[in-house]
């Protein structure tokens, strides 16, 4: 249930659209962290809404509930995705029932309303993905910038040049450890000969 597209098939029945919208709402609410998986979504929300519809709650009653929620202080309102999810899913249930009894016009009206609320949740889901991607890009960029501006990054090319001269025979050292110690003396910012040893191993392996 990933992605941000819920384009319907033009030849789908009202029931087909309703099932597609239910899947979209489930995917969005799971992706936003309200439910762990399809099973918990169906158990904790969808099945309860089916029971509510079976108890005789009408679309008009649902509209009154929606108006009541919107009239509440913002701090007391249920979270937007859940509220819109309830409205959308109930409309889908009504659409399925109307389609089953042959009232396709009524079913289509419910489908259109259900998709409106489902798309509102989908929009929030896509916004969350965009924010996550942006934060990841910024974090990667910051990490790269920190690496490139570090003192080690500045002297590493100079050390590589010294390594190339050593390996090419222009200068000689009794051992790798001796080379590393000498480099640290030349570039105290490195501080630890083990850093130079890692670079030597890296370059020797190329």
C-alpha atoms as a PDB file:
ATOM      1  CA  UNK A   1       0.000   0.000   0.000  1.00  0.00           C
ATOM      2  CA  UNK A   2       2.843   2.372  -0.737  1.00  0.00           C
ATOM      3  CA  UNK A   3       2.953   5.426  -2.967  1.00  0.00           C
ATOM      4  CA  UNK A   4       0.738   8.476  -3.369  1.00  0.00           C
ATOM      5  CA  UNK A   5      -1.541   7.542  -6.262  1.00  0.00           C
ATOM      6  CA  UNK A   6      -5.123   6.340  -6.069  1.00  0.00           C
ATOM      7  CA  UNK A   7      -6.218   6.840  -9.669  1.00  0.00           C
ATOM      8  CA  UNK A   8      -9.375   4.757 -10.181  1.00  0.00           C
ATOM      9  CA  UNK A   9     -10.183   2.548 -13.136  1.00  0.00           C
ATOM     10  CA  UNK A  10     -12.772   4.295 -15.316  1.00  0.00           C
ATOM     11  CA  UNK A  11     -14.768   1.080 -15.785  1.00  0.00           C
ATOM     12  CA  UNK A  12     -14.879   0.142 -12.096  1.00  0.00           C
ATOM     13  CA  UNK A  13     -18.204  -0.262 -10.305  1.00  0.00           C
ATOM     14  CA  UNK A  14     -19.120   1.852  -7.259  1.00  0.00           C
ATOM     15  CA  UNK A  15     -18.206  -1.115  -5.070  1.00  0.00           C
ATOM     16  CA  UNK A  16     -14.858  -1.455  -6.838  1.00  0.00           C
ATOM     17  CA  UNK A  17     -14.119   2.193  -6.188  1.00  0.00           C
ATOM     18  CA  UNK A  18     -15.206   1.844  -2.565  1.00  0.00           C
ATOM     19  CA  UNK A  19     -12.822  -1.066  -1.972  1.00  0.00           C
ATOM     20  CA  UNK A  20     -10.016   0.883  -3.634  1.00  0.00           C
ATOM     21  CA  UNK A  21     -10.669   3.872  -1.365  1.00  0.00           C
ATOM     22  CA  UNK A  22     -10.721   1.647   1.722  1.00  0.00           C
ATOM     23  CA  UNK A  23      -7.324   0.295   0.678  1.00  0.00           C
ATOM     24  CA  UNK A  24      -6.017   3.841   0.180  1.00  0.00           C
ATOM     25  CA  UNK A  25      -7.237   4.960   3.621  1.00  0.00           C
ATOM     26  CA  UNK A  26      -5.735   1.857   5.232  1.00  0.00           C
ATOM     27  CA  UNK A  27      -2.388   2.429   3.529  1.00  0.00           C
ATOM     28  CA  UNK A  28      -2.308   6.082   4.555  1.00  0.00           C
ATOM     29  CA  UNK A  29      -3.233   5.489   8.199  1.00  0.00           C
ATOM     30  CA  UNK A  30      -0.734   2.626   8.494  1.00  0.00           C
ATOM     31  CA  UNK A  31       1.987   4.689   6.828  1.00  0.00           C
ATOM     32  CA  UNK A  32       1.260   7.623   9.155  1.00  0.00           C
ATOM     33  CA  UNK A  33       1.673   5.343  12.160  1.00  0.00           C
ATOM     34  CA  UNK A  34      -1.910   5.105  13.414  1.00  0.00           C
ATOM     35  CA  UNK A  35      -2.036   1.328  12.831  1.00  0.00           C
ATOM     36  CA  UNK A  36       0.652  -1.336  12.647  1.00  0.00           C
ATOM     37  CA  UNK A  37      -0.717  -3.314   9.699  1.00  0.00           C
ATOM     38  CA  UNK A  38      -3.845  -4.260   7.736  1.00  0.00           C
ATOM     39  CA  UNK A  39      -5.001  -6.607  10.456  1.00  0.00           C
ATOM     40  CA  UNK A  40      -4.919  -3.987  13.204  1.00  0.00           C
ATOM     41  CA  UNK A  41      -6.578  -1.437  10.893  1.00  0.00           C
ATOM     42  CA  UNK A  42      -9.445  -3.813  10.165  1.00  0.00           C
ATOM     43  CA  UNK A  43      -9.780  -4.941  13.773  1.00  0.00           C
ATOM     44  CA  UNK A  44      -9.499  -1.571  15.478  1.00  0.00           C
ATOM     45  CA  UNK A  45     -11.280   0.674  12.987  1.00  0.00           C
ATOM     46  CA  UNK A  46     -12.946  -0.797   9.921  1.00  0.00           C
ATOM     47  CA  UNK A  47     -14.871  -3.606  11.652  1.00  0.00           C
ATOM     48  CA  UNK A  48     -16.126  -1.178  14.301  1.00  0.00           C
ATOM     49  CA  UNK A  49     -17.393   1.220  11.646  1.00  0.00           C
ATOM     50  CA  UNK A  50     -19.194  -1.638   9.895  1.00  0.00           C
ATOM     51  CA  UNK A  51     -20.896  -2.419  13.218  1.00  0.00           C
ATOM     52  CA  UNK A  52     -21.875   1.237  13.618  1.00  0.00           C
ATOM     53  CA  UNK A  53     -23.474   1.247  10.164  1.00  0.00           C
ATOM     54  CA  UNK A  54     -25.311  -1.983  10.926  1.00  0.00           C
ATOM     55  CA  UNK A  55     -26.735  -0.333  14.034  1.00  0.00           C
ATOM     56  CA  UNK A  56     -28.521   2.170  11.836  1.00  0.00           C
ATOM     57  CA  UNK A  57     -26.282   5.222  11.777  1.00  0.00           C
ATOM     58  CA  UNK A  58     -27.227   7.097   8.612  1.00  0.00           C
ATOM     59  CA  UNK A  59     -25.238   9.335   6.309  1.00  0.00           C
ATOM     60  CA  UNK A  60     -27.145  12.298   7.726  1.00  0.00           C
ATOM     61  CA  UNK A  61     -26.037  11.273  11.206  1.00  0.00           C
ATOM     62  CA  UNK A  62     -22.465  11.055   9.970  1.00  0.00           C
ATOM     63  CA  UNK A  63     -22.740  14.581   8.561  1.00  0.00           C
ATOM     64  CA  UNK A  64     -23.883  15.853  11.960  1.00  0.00           C
ATOM     65  CA  UNK A  65     -20.917  14.125  13.599  1.00  0.00           C
ATOM     66  CA  UNK A  66     -18.578  15.772  11.094  1.00  0.00           C
ATOM     67  CA  UNK A  67     -20.080  19.212  11.744  1.00  0.00           C
ATOM     68  CA  UNK A  68     -19.827  18.667  15.502  1.00  0.00           C
ATOM     69  CA  UNK A  69     -16.142  17.778  15.227  1.00  0.00           C
ATOM     70  CA  UNK A  70     -15.386  20.849  13.120  1.00  0.00           C
ATOM     71  CA  UNK A  71     -17.144  23.032  15.713  1.00  0.00           C
ATOM     72  CA  UNK A  72     -14.934  21.723  18.523  1.00  0.00           C
ATOM     73  CA  UNK A  73     -11.911  23.705  19.732  1.00  0.00           C
ATOM     74  CA  UNK A  74      -8.921  22.559  17.716  1.00  0.00           C
ATOM     75  CA  UNK A  75      -7.258  21.098  20.819  1.00  0.00           C
ATOM     76  CA  UNK A  76     -10.244  18.778  21.382  1.00  0.00           C
ATOM     77  CA  UNK A  77     -10.682  17.581  17.809  1.00  0.00           C
ATOM     78  CA  UNK A  78      -9.579  14.046  16.878  1.00  0.00           C
ATOM     79  CA  UNK A  79      -6.442  13.917  14.755  1.00  0.00           C
ATOM     80  CA  UNK A  80      -7.204  14.933  11.186  1.00  0.00           C
ATOM     81  CA  UNK A  81      -6.258  11.693   9.412  1.00  0.00           C
ATOM     82  CA  UNK A  82      -8.356   9.593  11.803  1.00  0.00           C
ATOM     83  CA  UNK A  83     -11.359  11.901  11.531  1.00  0.00           C
ATOM     84  CA  UNK A  84     -11.196  11.997   7.739  1.00  0.00           C
ATOM     85  CA  UNK A  85     -10.585   8.264   7.714  1.00  0.00           C
ATOM     86  CA  UNK A  86     -13.777   7.608   9.663  1.00  0.00           C
ATOM     87  CA  UNK A  87     -15.807   9.835   7.331  1.00  0.00           C
ATOM     88  CA  UNK A  88     -14.310   8.249   4.204  1.00  0.00           C
ATOM     89  CA  UNK A  89     -14.700   4.662   5.397  1.00  0.00           C
ATOM     90  CA  UNK A  90     -18.298   5.189   6.501  1.00  0.00           C
ATOM     91  CA  UNK A  91     -19.091   6.656   3.080  1.00  0.00           C
ATOM     92  CA  UNK A  92     -17.494   3.582   1.497  1.00  0.00           C
ATOM     93  CA  UNK A  93     -19.636   1.276   3.622  1.00  0.00           C
ATOM     94  CA  UNK A  94     -22.754   3.200   2.585  1.00  0.00           C
ATOM     95  CA  UNK A  95     -21.634   3.000  -1.062  1.00  0.00           C
ATOM     96  CA  UNK A  96     -21.207  -0.778  -0.837  1.00  0.00           C
ATOM     97  CA  UNK A  97     -24.625  -1.170   0.725  1.00  0.00           C
ATOM     98  CA  UNK A  98     -26.330   1.106  -1.826  1.00  0.00           C
ATOM     99  CA  UNK A  99     -24.623  -0.664  -4.723  1.00  0.00           C
ATOM    100  CA  UNK A 100     -25.641  -4.045  -3.337  1.00  0.00           C
ATOM    101  CA  UNK A 101     -29.289  -2.955  -3.297  1.00  0.00           C
ATOM    102  CA  UNK A 102     -29.118  -1.589  -6.848  1.00  0.00           C
ATOM    103  CA  UNK A 103     -29.055   2.127  -6.053  1.00  0.00           C
ATOM    104  CA  UNK A 104     -26.025   2.999  -8.164  1.00  0.00           C
ATOM    105  CA  UNK A 105     -26.663   6.762  -8.207  1.00  0.00           C
ATOM    106  CA  UNK A 106     -26.600   6.939  -4.422  1.00  0.00           C
ATOM    107  CA  UNK A 107     -23.590   4.619  -4.352  1.00  0.00           C
ATOM    108  CA  UNK A 108     -21.639   6.861  -6.728  1.00  0.00           C
ATOM    109  CA  UNK A 109     -22.442   9.919  -4.605  1.00  0.00           C
ATOM    110  CA  UNK A 110     -21.026   8.173  -1.551  1.00  0.00           C
ATOM    111  CA  UNK A 111     -17.941   7.106  -3.519  1.00  0.00           C
ATOM    112  CA  UNK A 112     -17.243  10.679  -4.629  1.00  0.00           C
ATOM    113  CA  UNK A 113     -17.540  11.956  -1.054  1.00  0.00           C
ATOM    114  CA  UNK A 114     -15.408   9.102   0.291  1.00  0.00           C
ATOM    115  CA  UNK A 115     -12.639   9.797  -2.193  1.00  0.00           C
ATOM    116  CA  UNK A 116     -12.565  13.471  -1.222  1.00  0.00           C
ATOM    117  CA  UNK A 117     -11.802  12.616   2.408  1.00  0.00           C
ATOM    118  CA  UNK A 118      -9.416   9.799   1.456  1.00  0.00           C
ATOM    119  CA  UNK A 119      -7.442  12.224  -0.701  1.00  0.00           C
ATOM    120  CA  UNK A 120      -7.193  14.621   2.245  1.00  0.00           C
ATOM    121  CA  UNK A 121      -5.430  11.866   4.223  1.00  0.00           C
ATOM    122  CA  UNK A 122      -3.311  10.919   1.218  1.00  0.00           C
ATOM    123  CA  UNK A 123      -2.153  14.522   0.914  1.00  0.00           C
ATOM    124  CA  UNK A 124      -0.913  14.476   4.516  1.00  0.00           C
ATOM    125  CA  UNK A 125       0.779  11.130   3.873  1.00  0.00           C
ATOM    126  CA  UNK A 126       2.637  12.545   0.870  1.00  0.00           C
ATOM    127  CA  UNK A 127       3.584  15.655   2.861  1.00  0.00           C
ATOM    128  CA  UNK A 128       5.107  13.453   5.578  1.00  0.00           C
ATOM    129  CA  UNK A 129       7.106  11.533   2.965  1.00  0.00           C
ATOM    130  CA  UNK A 130       8.337  14.797   1.454  1.00  0.00           C
ATOM    131  CA  UNK A 131       9.465  16.069   4.856  1.00  0.00           C
ATOM    132  CA  UNK A 132      11.266  12.782   5.607  1.00  0.00           C
ATOM    133  CA  UNK A 133      13.042  12.857   2.253  1.00  0.00           C
ATOM    134  CA  UNK A 134      14.013  16.495   2.768  1.00  0.00           C
ATOM    135  CA  UNK A 135      15.396  15.786   6.243  1.00  0.00           C
ATOM    136  CA  UNK A 136      17.359  12.813   4.917  1.00  0.00           C
ATOM    137  CA  UNK A 137      18.844  14.906   2.115  1.00  0.00           C
ATOM    138  CA  UNK A 138      19.789  17.683   4.536  1.00  0.00           C
ATOM    139  CA  UNK A 139      21.361  15.193   6.947  1.00  0.00           C
ATOM    140  CA  UNK A 140      23.407  13.577   4.164  1.00  0.00           C
ATOM    141  CA  UNK A 141      24.470  16.963   2.860  1.00  0.00           C
ATOM    142  CA  UNK A 142      25.489  18.104   6.341  1.00  0.00           C
ATOM    143  CA  UNK A 143      27.448  14.928   6.972  1.00  0.00           C
ATOM    144  CA  UNK A 144      29.279  15.276   3.675  1.00  0.00           C
ATOM    145  CA  UNK A 145      30.008  18.948   4.338  1.00  0.00           C
ATOM    146  CA  UNK A 146      31.354  18.186   7.808  1.00  0.00           C
ATOM    147  CA  UNK A 147      33.573  15.463   6.378  1.00  0.00           C
ATOM    148  CA  UNK A 148      34.875  17.632   3.571  1.00  0.00           C
ATOM    149  CA  UNK A 149      35.619  20.544   5.904  1.00  0.00           C
ATOM    150  CA  UNK A 150      37.304  18.470   8.625  1.00  0.00           C
ATOM    151  CA  UNK A 151      41.028  19.046   9.336  1.00  0.00           C
ATOM    152  CA  UNK A 152      41.773  15.441   8.345  1.00  0.00           C
ATOM    153  CA  UNK A 153      40.111  15.961   4.958  1.00  0.00           C
ATOM    154  CA  UNK A 154      42.311  18.992   4.342  1.00  0.00           C
ATOM    155  CA  UNK A 155      45.629  17.225   5.025  1.00  0.00           C
ATOM    156  CA  UNK A 156      44.745  13.813   3.584  1.00  0.00           C
ATOM    157  CA  UNK A 157      45.748  14.749  -0.004  1.00  0.00           C
ATOM    158  CA  UNK A 158      49.118  15.959   1.315  1.00  0.00           C
ATOM    159  CA  UNK A 159      49.636  12.710   3.193  1.00  0.00           C
ATOM    160  CA  UNK A 160      48.727  10.745   0.076  1.00  0.00           C
ATOM    161  CA  UNK A 161      51.375  12.629  -1.849  1.00  0.00           C
ATOM    162  CA  UNK A 162      53.935  11.682   0.828  1.00  0.00           C
ATOM    163  CA  UNK A 163      52.723   8.071   0.675  1.00  0.00           C
ATOM    164  CA  UNK A 164      53.158   8.026  -3.123  1.00  0.00           C
ATOM    165  CA  UNK A 165      56.745   9.271  -2.778  1.00  0.00           C
ATOM    166  CA  UNK A 166      57.450   6.624  -0.122  1.00  0.00           C
ATOM    167  CA  UNK A 167      55.942   3.774  -2.167  1.00  0.00           C
ATOM    168  CA  UNK A 168      57.685   5.097  -5.271  1.00  0.00           C
ATOM    169  CA  UNK A 169      61.083   4.927  -3.577  1.00  0.00           C
ATOM    170  CA  UNK A 170      61.745   8.663  -3.446  1.00  0.00           C
ATOM    171  CA  UNK A 171      61.991   8.449   0.352  1.00  0.00           C
ATOM    172  CA  UNK A 172      62.470   5.483   2.640  1.00  0.00           C
ATOM    173  CA  UNK A 173      61.132   4.435   6.034  1.00  0.00           C
ATOM    174  CA  UNK A 174      62.009   1.380   8.093  1.00  0.00           C
ATOM    175  CA  UNK A 175      58.324   0.485   8.466  1.00  0.00           C
ATOM    176  CA  UNK A 176      54.769   1.667   7.978  1.00  0.00           C
ATOM    177  CA  UNK A 177      54.699   2.683  11.633  1.00  0.00           C
ATOM    178  CA  UNK A 178      57.732   4.907  11.083  1.00  0.00           C
ATOM    179  CA  UNK A 179      56.032   6.552   8.118  1.00  0.00           C
ATOM    180  CA  UNK A 180      52.886   7.147  10.160  1.00  0.00           C
ATOM    181  CA  UNK A 181      54.811   8.690  13.053  1.00  0.00           C
ATOM    182  CA  UNK A 182      56.671  11.008  10.700  1.00  0.00           C
ATOM    183  CA  UNK A 183      53.429  12.133   9.046  1.00  0.00           C
ATOM    184  CA  UNK A 184      51.888  12.971  12.439  1.00  0.00           C
ATOM    185  CA  UNK A 185      54.974  15.063  13.256  1.00  0.00           C
ATOM    186  CA  UNK A 186      54.525  16.969   9.990  1.00  0.00           C
ATOM    187  CA  UNK A 187      50.764  17.357  10.413  1.00  0.00           C
ATOM    188  CA  UNK A 188      49.963  17.463  14.167  1.00  0.00           C
ATOM    189  CA  UNK A 189      46.265  17.983  13.412  1.00  0.00           C
ATOM    190  CA  UNK A 190      46.082  14.237  12.623  1.00  0.00           C
ATOM    191  CA  UNK A 191      47.181  13.450  16.203  1.00  0.00           C
ATOM    192  CA  UNK A 192      46.873   9.662  15.958  1.00  0.00           C
ATOM    193  CA  UNK A 193      49.267   7.575  13.800  1.00  0.00           C
ATOM    194  CA  UNK A 194      46.502   4.968  13.499  1.00  0.00           C
ATOM    195  CA  UNK A 195      44.590   7.394  11.292  1.00  0.00           C
ATOM    196  CA  UNK A 196      47.520   7.497   8.898  1.00  0.00           C
ATOM    197  CA  UNK A 197      47.802   3.706   9.071  1.00  0.00           C
ATOM    198  CA  UNK A 198      44.166   3.383   7.942  1.00  0.00           C
ATOM    199  CA  UNK A 199      44.844   5.686   5.025  1.00  0.00           C
ATOM    200  CA  UNK A 200      47.944   3.717   4.062  1.00  0.00           C
ATOM    201  CA  UNK A 201      45.937   0.473   4.106  1.00  0.00           C
ATOM    202  CA  UNK A 202      43.250   2.140   1.993  1.00  0.00           C
ATOM    203  CA  UNK A 203      45.724   3.385  -0.611  1.00  0.00           C
ATOM    204  CA  UNK A 204      47.777   0.189  -0.658  1.00  0.00           C
ATOM    205  CA  UNK A 205      44.594  -1.730  -1.399  1.00  0.00           C
ATOM    206  CA  UNK A 206      43.678   0.356  -4.434  1.00  0.00           C
END
